C-alpha atoms as a PDB file:
ATOM      1  CA  MET A   1    -212.790   8.510-132.473  1.00  0.00           C
ATOM      2  CA  PRO A   2    -214.485   6.128-130.034  1.00  0.00           C
ATOM      3  CA  ILE A   3    -216.220   8.776-127.935  1.00  0.00           C
ATOM      4  CA  GLN A   4    -219.044   7.171-125.969  1.00  0.00           C
ATOM      5  CA  THR A   5    -221.966   9.318-124.858  1.00  0.00           C
ATOM      6  CA  GLU A   6    -225.010   8.588-122.740  1.00  0.00           C
ATOM      7  CA  THR A   7    -227.772  10.324-120.834  1.00  0.00           C
ATOM      8  CA  VAL A   8    -227.229  10.049-117.093  1.00  0.00           C
ATOM      9  CA  LEU A   9    -230.253  10.263-114.795  1.00  0.00           C
ATOM     10  CA  TYR A  10    -229.717  11.589-111.281  1.00  0.00           C
ATOM     11  CA  SER A  11    -231.626  13.803-108.855  1.00  0.00           C
ATOM     12  CA  ALA A  12    -231.324  16.536-106.236  1.00  0.00           C
ATOM     13  CA  ASN A  13    -233.953  17.395-103.632  1.00  0.00           C
ATOM     14  CA  GLY A  14    -236.622  15.462-105.526  1.00  0.00           C
ATOM     15  CA  THR A  15    -235.945  17.054-108.929  1.00  0.00           C
ATOM     16  CA  ASN A  16    -235.063  14.679-111.773  1.00  0.00           C
ATOM     17  CA  LEU A  17    -231.925  15.778-113.617  1.00  0.00           C
ATOM     18  CA  ARG A  18    -230.724  14.576-117.036  1.00  0.00           C
ATOM     19  CA  GLY A  19    -226.980  14.892-117.527  1.00  0.00           C
ATOM     20  CA  TYR A  20    -224.936  14.097-120.634  1.00  0.00           C
ATOM     21  CA  PHE A  21    -221.841  11.947-120.128  1.00  0.00           C
ATOM     22  CA  ALA A  22    -218.969  11.614-122.602  1.00  0.00           C
ATOM     23  CA  TYR A  23    -215.752   9.587-122.425  1.00  0.00           C
ATOM     24  CA  ASP A  24    -213.201   7.938-124.725  1.00  0.00           C
ATOM     25  CA  ASP A  25    -213.472   4.148-124.631  1.00  0.00           C
ATOM     26  CA  ASN A  26    -209.856   3.790-125.742  1.00  0.00           C
ATOM     27  CA  VAL A  27    -208.425   5.486-122.664  1.00  0.00           C
ATOM     28  CA  GLU A  28    -207.563   2.824-120.114  1.00  0.00           C
ATOM     29  CA  GLY A  29    -208.007   3.208-116.385  1.00  0.00           C
ATOM     30  CA  GLU A  30    -209.266   6.127-114.373  1.00  0.00           C
ATOM     31  CA  ARG A  31    -208.910   9.646-115.693  1.00  0.00           C
ATOM     32  CA  PRO A  32    -209.792  13.139-114.420  1.00  0.00           C
ATOM     33  CA  GLY A  33    -213.467  14.106-114.401  1.00  0.00           C
ATOM     34  CA  VAL A  34    -214.704  17.447-115.708  1.00  0.00           C
ATOM     35  CA  ILE A  35    -218.126  18.929-114.924  1.00  0.00           C
ATOM     36  CA  VAL A  36    -219.580  21.137-117.694  1.00  0.00           C
ATOM     37  CA  VAL A  37    -222.269  23.685-116.761  1.00  0.00           C
ATOM     38  CA  HIS A  38    -224.490  25.089-119.487  1.00  0.00           C
ATOM     39  CA  GLU A  39    -225.575  28.595-120.475  1.00  0.00           C
ATOM     40  CA  TRP A  40    -229.044  29.965-119.683  1.00  0.00           C
ATOM     41  CA  TRP A  41    -230.297  28.066-122.772  1.00  0.00           C
ATOM     42  CA  GLY A  42    -229.948  24.801-120.814  1.00  0.00           C
ATOM     43  CA  LEU A  43    -228.153  21.553-121.635  1.00  0.00           C
ATOM     44  CA  ASN A  44    -228.307  21.852-125.423  1.00  0.00           C
ATOM     45  CA  ASP A  45    -226.241  20.504-128.311  1.00  0.00           C
ATOM     46  CA  TYR A  46    -223.577  23.194-127.902  1.00  0.00           C
ATOM     47  CA  ILE A  47    -222.797  22.126-124.343  1.00  0.00           C
ATOM     48  CA  LYS A  48    -222.933  18.446-125.334  1.00  0.00           C
ATOM     49  CA  SER A  49    -220.312  19.176-128.008  1.00  0.00           C
ATOM     50  CA  ARG A  50    -218.024  20.647-125.335  1.00  0.00           C
ATOM     51  CA  ALA A  51    -218.369  17.473-123.271  1.00  0.00           C
ATOM     52  CA  GLN A  52    -217.391  15.472-126.356  1.00  0.00           C
ATOM     53  CA  GLN A  53    -214.352  17.702-126.905  1.00  0.00           C
ATOM     54  CA  LEU A  54    -213.250  17.110-123.326  1.00  0.00           C
ATOM     55  CA  ALA A  55    -213.665  13.355-123.814  1.00  0.00           C
ATOM     56  CA  ALA A  56    -211.465  13.596-126.916  1.00  0.00           C
ATOM     57  CA  LEU A  57    -208.789  15.203-124.712  1.00  0.00           C
ATOM     58  CA  GLY A  58    -208.877  12.115-122.473  1.00  0.00           C
ATOM     59  CA  TYR A  59    -211.185  13.279-119.691  1.00  0.00           C
ATOM     60  CA  SER A  60    -214.529  11.928-118.526  1.00  0.00           C
ATOM     61  CA  ALA A  61    -217.000  14.799-118.882  1.00  0.00           C
ATOM     62  CA  LEU A  62    -220.471  15.225-117.425  1.00  0.00           C
ATOM     63  CA  ALA A  63    -222.566  18.094-118.731  1.00  0.00           C
ATOM     64  CA  VAL A  64    -224.923  18.672-115.807  1.00  0.00           C
ATOM     65  CA  ASP A  65    -228.577  19.682-115.885  1.00  0.00           C
ATOM     66  CA  MET A  66    -229.248  22.729-113.707  1.00  0.00           C
ATOM     67  CA  PHE A  67    -232.894  23.263-114.694  1.00  0.00           C
ATOM     68  CA  GLY A  68    -234.402  19.797-114.236  1.00  0.00           C
ATOM     69  CA  GLU A  69    -235.772  17.204-116.686  1.00  0.00           C
ATOM     70  CA  GLY A  70    -233.196  18.345-119.268  1.00  0.00           C
ATOM     71  CA  SER A  71    -235.128  21.575-119.858  1.00  0.00           C
ATOM     72  CA  THR A  72    -233.839  23.886-122.598  1.00  0.00           C
ATOM     73  CA  ALA A  73    -235.018  27.226-123.985  1.00  0.00           C
ATOM     74  CA  ASP A  74    -234.872  28.750-127.472  1.00  0.00           C
ATOM     75  CA  ASN A  75    -235.627  32.385-126.589  1.00  0.00           C
ATOM     76  CA  PRO A  76    -234.303  34.847-123.976  1.00  0.00           C
ATOM     77  CA  GLY A  77    -237.625  35.079-122.101  1.00  0.00           C
ATOM     78  CA  ASP A  78    -237.790  31.367-121.341  1.00  0.00           C
ATOM     79  CA  ALA A  79    -234.020  31.152-120.833  1.00  0.00           C
ATOM     80  CA  GLY A  80    -234.034  33.982-118.319  1.00  0.00           C
ATOM     81  CA  ALA A  81    -236.995  32.503-116.464  1.00  0.00           C
ATOM     82  CA  GLN A  82    -235.395  29.088-116.017  1.00  0.00           C
ATOM     83  CA  MET A  83    -232.038  30.652-115.075  1.00  0.00           C
ATOM     84  CA  ASN A  84    -233.680  32.841-112.434  1.00  0.00           C
ATOM     85  CA  THR A  85    -235.356  29.854-110.776  1.00  0.00           C
ATOM     86  CA  VAL A  86    -231.811  28.788-109.857  1.00  0.00           C
ATOM     87  CA  LEU A  87    -230.294  32.197-109.139  1.00  0.00           C
ATOM     88  CA  GLU A  88    -233.154  33.069-106.777  1.00  0.00           C
ATOM     89  CA  ASP A  89    -232.757  29.798-104.874  1.00  0.00           C
ATOM     90  CA  MET A  90    -229.047  29.035-104.718  1.00  0.00           C
ATOM     91  CA  GLU A  91    -229.607  26.453-102.000  1.00  0.00           C
ATOM     92  CA  THR A  92    -231.314  24.346-104.667  1.00  0.00           C
ATOM     93  CA  GLY A  93    -228.702  25.360-107.238  1.00  0.00           C
ATOM     94  CA  THR A  94    -225.918  24.258-104.911  1.00  0.00           C
ATOM     95  CA  ALA A  95    -227.642  20.915-104.301  1.00  0.00           C
ATOM     96  CA  ARG A  96    -227.840  20.335-108.073  1.00  0.00           C
ATOM     97  CA  LEU A  97    -224.160  21.189-108.533  1.00  0.00           C
ATOM     98  CA  LYS A  98    -223.177  18.825-105.721  1.00  0.00           C
ATOM     99  CA  ALA A  99    -225.372  16.045-107.134  1.00  0.00           C
ATOM    100  CA  GLY A 100    -223.733  16.379-110.554  1.00  0.00           C
ATOM    101  CA  PHE A 101    -220.287  16.409-108.982  1.00  0.00           C
ATOM    102  CA  ALA A 102    -221.029  13.255-106.967  1.00  0.00           C
ATOM    103  CA  THR A 103    -222.485  11.512-110.028  1.00  0.00           C
ATOM    104  CA  LEU A 104    -219.329  12.106-112.064  1.00  0.00           C
ATOM    105  CA  GLN A 105    -216.966  11.419-109.166  1.00  0.00           C
ATOM    106  CA  ASP A 106    -218.580   8.004-108.630  1.00  0.00           C
ATOM    107  CA  HIS A 107    -218.255   6.912-112.269  1.00  0.00           C
ATOM    108  CA  GLU A 108    -215.983   3.901-112.772  1.00  0.00           C
ATOM    109  CA  SER A 109    -213.888   5.761-115.381  1.00  0.00           C
ATOM    110  CA  VAL A 110    -213.113   8.698-113.078  1.00  0.00           C
ATOM    111  CA  ASP A 111    -210.286   9.323-110.648  1.00  0.00           C
ATOM    112  CA  GLY A 112    -212.418  11.052-108.004  1.00  0.00           C
ATOM    113  CA  SER A 113    -209.400  12.862-106.553  1.00  0.00           C
ATOM    114  CA  ARG A 114    -208.825  14.719-109.835  1.00  0.00           C
ATOM    115  CA  MET A 115    -211.895  16.797-110.635  1.00  0.00           C
ATOM    116  CA  ALA A 116    -212.469  20.106-112.417  1.00  0.00           C
ATOM    117  CA  ALA A 117    -215.433  22.137-113.649  1.00  0.00           C
ATOM    118  CA  ILE A 118    -215.987  24.477-116.599  1.00  0.00           C
ATOM    119  CA  GLY A 119    -218.995  26.641-117.360  1.00  0.00           C
ATOM    120  CA  TYR A 120    -220.368  29.073-119.903  1.00  0.00           C
ATOM    121  CA  CYS A 121    -222.249  32.325-119.095  1.00  0.00           C
ATOM    122  CA  PHE A 122    -224.690  31.199-116.362  1.00  0.00           C
ATOM    123  CA  GLY A 123    -222.536  28.082-116.065  1.00  0.00           C
ATOM    124  CA  GLY A 124    -219.464  30.228-115.508  1.00  0.00           C
ATOM    125  CA  ALA A 125    -221.152  31.771-112.492  1.00  0.00           C
ATOM    126  CA  MET A 126    -222.034  28.272-111.271  1.00  0.00           C
ATOM    127  CA  VAL A 127    -218.474  26.870-111.453  1.00  0.00           C
ATOM    128  CA  LEU A 128    -217.147  29.973-109.693  1.00  0.00           C
ATOM    129  CA  HIS A 129    -219.750  29.274-106.993  1.00  0.00           C
ATOM    130  CA  MET A 130    -218.431  25.706-106.721  1.00  0.00           C
ATOM    131  CA  ALA A 131    -214.953  27.127-106.138  1.00  0.00           C
ATOM    132  CA  ARG A 132    -216.186  29.757-103.669  1.00  0.00           C
ATOM    133  CA  ILE A 133    -217.920  27.209-101.443  1.00  0.00           C
ATOM    134  CA  GLY A 134    -214.775  25.080-101.332  1.00  0.00           C
ATOM    135  CA  MET A 135    -215.875  22.045-103.339  1.00  0.00           C
ATOM    136  CA  PRO A 136    -212.943  19.608-103.825  1.00  0.00           C
ATOM    137  CA  LEU A 137    -212.041  20.646-107.350  1.00  0.00           C
ATOM    138  CA  LYS A 138    -208.506  20.987-108.692  1.00  0.00           C
ATOM    139  CA  GLY A 139    -209.566  23.756-111.063  1.00  0.00           C
ATOM    140  CA  VAL A 140    -212.503  25.687-112.489  1.00  0.00           C
ATOM    141  CA  VAL A 141    -212.785  27.645-115.732  1.00  0.00           C
ATOM    142  CA  SER A 142    -215.429  30.289-116.419  1.00  0.00           C
ATOM    143  CA  PHE A 143    -216.031  31.223-120.066  1.00  0.00           C
ATOM    144  CA  HIS A 144    -217.834  34.593-120.423  1.00  0.00           C
ATOM    145  CA  GLY A 145    -219.455  33.939-117.055  1.00  0.00           C
ATOM    146  CA  ALA A 146    -221.143  36.249-114.598  1.00  0.00           C
ATOM    147  CA  LEU A 147    -218.850  37.153-111.689  1.00  0.00           C
ATOM    148  CA  GLY A 148    -221.337  38.146-108.973  1.00  0.00           C
ATOM    149  CA  SER A 149    -221.061  36.209-105.748  1.00  0.00           C
ATOM    150  CA  PHE A 150    -223.581  34.126-103.797  1.00  0.00           C
ATOM    151  CA  HIS A 151    -220.989  33.205-101.174  1.00  0.00           C
ATOM    152  CA  ARG A 152    -217.989  35.186 -99.955  1.00  0.00           C
ATOM    153  CA  PRO A 153    -215.235  32.621 -99.362  1.00  0.00           C
ATOM    154  CA  ALA A 154    -213.218  32.715 -96.185  1.00  0.00           C
ATOM    155  CA  ALA A 155    -209.421  32.763 -96.339  1.00  0.00           C
ATOM    156  CA  GLY A 156    -208.255  29.419 -97.665  1.00  0.00           C
ATOM    157  CA  GLU A 157    -211.745  28.243 -98.611  1.00  0.00           C
ATOM    158  CA  VAL A 158    -211.160  28.246-102.378  1.00  0.00           C
ATOM    159  CA  GLN A 159    -209.386  24.940-103.092  1.00  0.00           C
ATOM    160  CA  ALA A 160    -209.542  25.104-106.896  1.00  0.00           C
ATOM    161  CA  LYS A 161    -207.214  27.013-109.164  1.00  0.00           C
ATOM    162  CA  VAL A 162    -209.526  29.512-110.879  1.00  0.00           C
ATOM    163  CA  LEU A 163    -209.316  30.670-114.509  1.00  0.00           C
ATOM    164  CA  VAL A 164    -211.727  33.349-115.729  1.00  0.00           C
ATOM    165  CA  CYS A 165    -211.885  33.800-119.526  1.00  0.00           C
ATOM    166  CA  HIS A 166    -213.692  37.105-120.042  1.00  0.00           C
ATOM    167  CA  GLY A 167    -214.675  39.114-123.081  1.00  0.00           C
ATOM    168  CA  ALA A 168    -213.175  42.593-122.683  1.00  0.00           C
ATOM    169  CA  ALA A 169    -216.191  44.048-124.536  1.00  0.00           C
ATOM    170  CA  ASP A 170    -218.798  42.033-122.569  1.00  0.00           C
ATOM    171  CA  GLU A 171    -221.666  44.430-121.815  1.00  0.00           C
ATOM    172  CA  PHE A 172    -223.293  42.057-119.317  1.00  0.00           C
ATOM    173  CA  VAL A 173    -220.411  42.183-116.825  1.00  0.00           C
ATOM    174  CA  PRO A 174    -219.756  45.661-115.376  1.00  0.00           C
ATOM    175  CA  GLN A 175    -216.270  46.714-114.282  1.00  0.00           C
ATOM    176  CA  SER A 176    -217.505  46.806-110.684  1.00  0.00           C
ATOM    177  CA  ASP A 177    -218.183  43.055-110.853  1.00  0.00           C
ATOM    178  CA  ILE A 178    -214.646  42.451-112.118  1.00  0.00           C
ATOM    179  CA  ASP A 179    -213.160  44.601-109.351  1.00  0.00           C
ATOM    180  CA  ASN A 180    -215.284  42.904-106.687  1.00  0.00           C
ATOM    181  CA  PHE A 181    -214.402  39.438-107.972  1.00  0.00           C
ATOM    182  CA  LYS A 182    -210.671  40.139-107.875  1.00  0.00           C
ATOM    183  CA  ALA A 183    -210.927  41.659-104.388  1.00  0.00           C
ATOM    184  CA  GLU A 184    -212.877  38.631-103.184  1.00  0.00           C
ATOM    185  CA  MET A 185    -210.334  36.174-104.614  1.00  0.00           C
ATOM    186  CA  ASP A 186    -207.427  38.186-103.164  1.00  0.00           C
ATOM    187  CA  ALA A 187    -209.066  38.267 -99.717  1.00  0.00           C
ATOM    188  CA  ALA A 188    -209.608  34.496 -99.852  1.00  0.00           C
ATOM    189  CA  GLY A 189    -205.993  33.902-100.884  1.00  0.00           C
ATOM    190  CA  ALA A 190    -207.236  32.096-103.992  1.00  0.00           C
ATOM    191  CA  ASN A 191    -204.960  31.020-106.825  1.00  0.00           C
ATOM    192  CA  TYR A 192    -206.675  32.658-109.799  1.00  0.00           C
ATOM    193  CA  GLU A 193    -206.038  34.087-113.237  1.00  0.00           C
ATOM    194  CA  PHE A 194    -208.258  36.610-115.011  1.00  0.00           C
ATOM    195  CA  VAL A 195    -207.849  36.817-118.802  1.00  0.00           C
ATOM    196  CA  ALA A 196    -209.730  39.422-120.855  1.00  0.00           C
ATOM    197  CA  TYR A 197    -209.902  38.951-124.637  1.00  0.00           C
ATOM    198  CA  ASP A 198    -209.804  42.207-126.607  1.00  0.00           C
ATOM    199  CA  GLY A 199    -212.988  43.030-128.487  1.00  0.00           C
ATOM    200  CA  ALA A 200    -214.780  39.860-127.359  1.00  0.00           C
ATOM    201  CA  LEU A 201    -218.467  40.167-126.498  1.00  0.00           C
ATOM    202  CA  HIS A 202    -220.604  37.963-124.261  1.00  0.00           C
ATOM    203  CA  GLY A 203    -220.983  34.436-125.630  1.00  0.00           C
ATOM    204  CA  PHE A 204    -217.675  34.557-127.526  1.00  0.00           C
ATOM    205  CA  THR A 205    -217.182  30.753-127.513  1.00  0.00           C
ATOM    206  CA  ASN A 206    -220.567  29.896-129.032  1.00  0.00           C
ATOM    207  CA  LYS A 207    -221.013  30.071-132.808  1.00  0.00           C
ATOM    208  CA  ALA A 208    -224.767  30.496-132.305  1.00  0.00           C
ATOM    209  CA  ALA A 209    -224.101  33.801-130.510  1.00  0.00           C
ATOM    210  CA  ASP A 210    -224.036  35.780-133.781  1.00  0.00           C
ATOM    211  CA  GLU A 211    -227.480  34.550-134.837  1.00  0.00           C
ATOM    212  CA  ASN A 212    -228.950  34.903-131.345  1.00  0.00           C
ATOM    213  CA  GLY A 213    -227.524  38.384-130.994  1.00  0.00           C
ATOM    214  CA  LYS A 214    -229.089  39.531-134.265  1.00  0.00           C
ATOM    215  CA  LYS A 215    -232.403  37.755-133.684  1.00  0.00           C
ATOM    216  CA  TYR A 216    -232.958  39.112-130.184  1.00  0.00           C
ATOM    217  CA  GLY A 217    -231.071  42.408-130.323  1.00  0.00           C
ATOM    218  CA  LEU A 218    -228.549  41.321-127.684  1.00  0.00           C
ATOM    219  CA  PRO A 219    -224.818  42.220-127.532  1.00  0.00           C
ATOM    220  CA  LEU A 220    -223.659  38.652-128.236  1.00  0.00           C
ATOM    221  CA  ALA A 221    -221.075  37.521-130.784  1.00  0.00           C
ATOM    222  CA  TYR A 222    -218.784  34.626-131.555  1.00  0.00           C
ATOM    223  CA  ASN A 223    -215.077  35.479-131.533  1.00  0.00           C
ATOM    224  CA  GLU A 224    -212.828  32.821-133.022  1.00  0.00           C
ATOM    225  CA  ALA A 225    -209.589  34.144-131.519  1.00  0.00           C
ATOM    226  CA  ALA A 226    -211.082  34.367-128.026  1.00  0.00           C
ATOM    227  CA  ASP A 227    -212.742  30.955-128.401  1.00  0.00           C
ATOM    228  CA  GLN A 228    -209.517  29.232-129.400  1.00  0.00           C
ATOM    229  CA  GLY A 229    -207.382  31.186-126.950  1.00  0.00           C
ATOM    230  CA  SER A 230    -209.628  30.407-123.988  1.00  0.00           C
ATOM    231  CA  TRP A 231    -209.820  26.687-124.879  1.00  0.00           C
ATOM    232  CA  GLN A 232    -206.005  26.575-125.048  1.00  0.00           C
ATOM    233  CA  ALA A 233    -205.821  28.352-121.681  1.00  0.00           C
ATOM    234  CA  MET A 234    -208.157  25.740-120.204  1.00  0.00           C
ATOM    235  CA  GLN A 235    -206.010  22.915-121.565  1.00  0.00           C
ATOM    236  CA  GLY A 236    -202.930  24.549-120.079  1.00  0.00           C
ATOM    237  CA  LEU A 237    -204.602  24.750-116.673  1.00  0.00           C
ATOM    238  CA  PHE A 238    -205.678  21.106-116.857  1.00  0.00           C
ATOM    239  CA  GLU A 239    -202.163  19.967-117.774  1.00  0.00           C
ATOM    240  CA  GLU A 240    -200.897  21.870-114.734  1.00  0.00           C
ATOM    241  CA  ILE A 241    -203.457  20.623-112.182  1.00  0.00           C
ATOM    242  CA  PHE A 242    -203.744  17.025-113.423  1.00  0.00           C
END
């Protein structure tokens, strides 16, 4: 399949960012653009593979760099440290999300009026933030993402249709976060769907989760049924909004 990929250099507030762009050369004309936001590990091969999958579905996909200079981590200590640099300064995080969005929206292959965002773990929290602050997205999908809020949306502020794909056995997301998220979306009048996959742990879409869970003693695991079910749910949402 003629999937083209390239590194895209852009910046936000003086930080150099290295995104990964994927699109199908055989698709003619403008098509929807999808932002992909990585896990706490950074923009690694797993996230690049998701961008390629989106390109194969006929979208232009930009996997954004939230940590700067394409930084990645291979252990939880480094991953947590680079994630927290963003979570503790969401003004900078928001600027990086907006820079990635603008970079994809401006690409010649993209219909800038039809944009969506998906994210994994940390990235799930980031795409929900994009929806909460009213960025002009048609839809966002969080896969095993954190649900805590950095911005409480006002009524009508959430423009995107929101899909949360959650592992019912995820030990990183307490029930209180789920309850608060739903209350927040209801208060904002958001159009959202919350799907919990039975028995699925944190990281259920990532085949490396089994190895990482064992190596670092973390409650992570791949779950094939939840992975496939959530990807199908995402495709269904995209068919609806695009």
